[in-house]
Amino acid sequence: MKTHPRITVTVFGAETIYAINGVAEVVQDPLDGVPFKMCCFDMKIDAVRNALFYGAHLASAPTYTKVYDQRAMENLDNQVFNAMKKA
C-alpha cells in the first residue's frame, strides 16, 4: 500500500459482491499491540461497484465452519480493535 496505494476492498452484500475502489493511506505499520504483522490504513473511496457480471446475483451467502478457539478469537479481536483506536 505504501508503494501502490490504489486498492480494492471486496465486500459480500445481499445477493451481490461489491468492489470498493480507492486510495489507501497507511496510518500505522506495523500495528502496535497485535501479535502478528498487520497495518492500519485509511481509505479514500473513489467508487463502489457491483463486482458480479451483468444479470448475476448471489444465490446464497458464503458458508463457513468455525474451527477456532472462541476465547482466543475474542482476545485477538480486542487487541486489533484497541490498536486501531490508538493508531
Protein backbone atom coordinates (compact mmCIF):
# COMPACT_ATOMS: atom_id res chain seq x y z
CA MET A 1 0.00 0.00 0.00
CA LYS A 2 2.89 2.33 0.64
CA THR A 3 4.26 1.77 -2.86
CA HIS A 4 0.95 1.30 -4.69
CA PRO A 5 -1.82 3.00 -2.69
CA ARG A 6 -4.68 2.24 -5.12
CA ILE A 7 -6.65 -0.62 -3.54
CA THR A 8 -9.86 -2.57 -3.97
CA VAL A 9 -11.78 -3.96 -1.00
CA THR A 10 -14.27 -6.71 -1.81
CA VAL A 11 -17.43 -6.99 0.30
CA PHE A 12 -20.22 -9.56 0.14
CA GLY A 13 -23.63 -7.88 0.22
CA ALA A 14 -27.22 -9.01 -0.17
CA GLU A 15 -27.26 -11.05 -3.41
CA THR A 16 -24.15 -9.32 -4.78
CA ILE A 17 -20.48 -8.60 -4.28
CA TYR A 18 -19.21 -5.03 -4.10
CA ALA A 19 -15.80 -3.83 -5.26
CA ILE A 20 -14.85 -0.68 -3.35
CA ASN A 21 -12.04 1.19 -5.12
CA GLY A 22 -9.94 3.93 -3.61
CA VAL A 23 -6.63 5.18 -2.32
CA ALA A 24 -5.14 3.88 0.92
CA GLU A 25 -3.02 5.80 3.38
CA VAL A 26 -1.14 3.69 5.91
CA VAL A 27 -1.71 5.08 9.41
CA GLN A 28 0.47 2.64 11.35
CA ASP A 29 2.69 -0.21 10.18
CA PRO A 30 3.08 -2.48 11.97
CA LEU A 31 0.05 -2.11 14.19
CA ASP A 32 1.29 -1.95 17.80
CA GLY A 33 -0.09 -4.43 20.33
CA VAL A 34 -1.06 -7.14 17.82
CA PRO A 35 0.79 -10.49 17.90
CA PHE A 36 1.42 -10.64 14.13
CA LYS A 37 2.22 -8.23 11.29
CA MET A 38 -0.77 -6.05 10.47
CA CYS A 39 -1.17 -2.43 9.43
CA CYS A 40 -3.91 0.12 9.97
CA PHE A 41 -4.96 2.23 6.99
CA ASP A 42 -7.49 4.86 5.98
CA MET A 43 -9.17 4.66 2.58
CA LYS A 44 -10.49 7.47 0.41
CA ILE A 45 -13.28 5.81 -1.57
CA ASP A 46 -13.48 6.66 -5.27
CA ALA A 47 -16.17 4.19 -6.38
CA VAL A 48 -18.40 1.35 -5.22
CA ARG A 49 -19.41 -1.09 -7.94
CA ASN A 50 -21.28 -4.36 -8.29
CA ALA A 51 -18.48 -6.83 -9.00
CA LEU A 52 -20.69 -9.55 -10.48
CA PHE A 53 -21.31 -9.77 -14.19
CA TYR A 54 -24.49 -8.19 -15.59
CA GLY A 55 -27.63 -10.06 -14.60
CA ALA A 56 -25.96 -12.18 -11.92
CA HIS A 57 -26.71 -12.30 -8.20
CA LEU A 58 -25.54 -14.50 -5.34
CA ALA A 59 -27.91 -17.41 -4.89
CA SER A 60 -26.72 -17.91 -1.31
CA ALA A 61 -24.37 -16.34 1.17
CA PRO A 62 -20.91 -17.94 1.53
CA THR A 63 -20.82 -20.72 4.12
CA TYR A 64 -18.01 -21.40 6.55
CA THR A 65 -17.20 -23.56 9.54
CA LYS A 66 -15.76 -22.09 12.72
CA VAL A 67 -12.65 -24.03 13.68
CA TYR A 68 -11.08 -21.67 16.20
CA ASP A 69 -10.97 -21.14 19.93
CA GLN A 70 -13.75 -18.64 20.75
CA ARG A 71 -11.80 -17.12 23.66
CA ALA A 72 -8.64 -16.70 21.54
CA MET A 73 -10.70 -15.09 18.75
CA GLU A 74 -12.29 -12.60 21.15
CA ASN A 75 -8.88 -11.75 22.63
CA LEU A 76 -7.38 -11.16 19.17
CA ASP A 77 -10.38 -9.04 18.10
CA ASN A 78 -9.96 -6.89 21.21
CA GLN A 79 -6.22 -6.49 20.59
CA VAL A 80 -6.79 -5.43 16.96
CA PHE A 81 -9.65 -3.01 17.68
CA ASN A 82 -7.81 -1.40 20.61
CA ALA A 83 -4.66 -0.98 18.50
CA MET A 84 -6.67 0.57 15.65
CA LYS A 85 -8.28 3.07 18.03
CA LYS A 86 -4.83 4.17 19.21
CA ALA A 87 -3.36 4.40 15.67
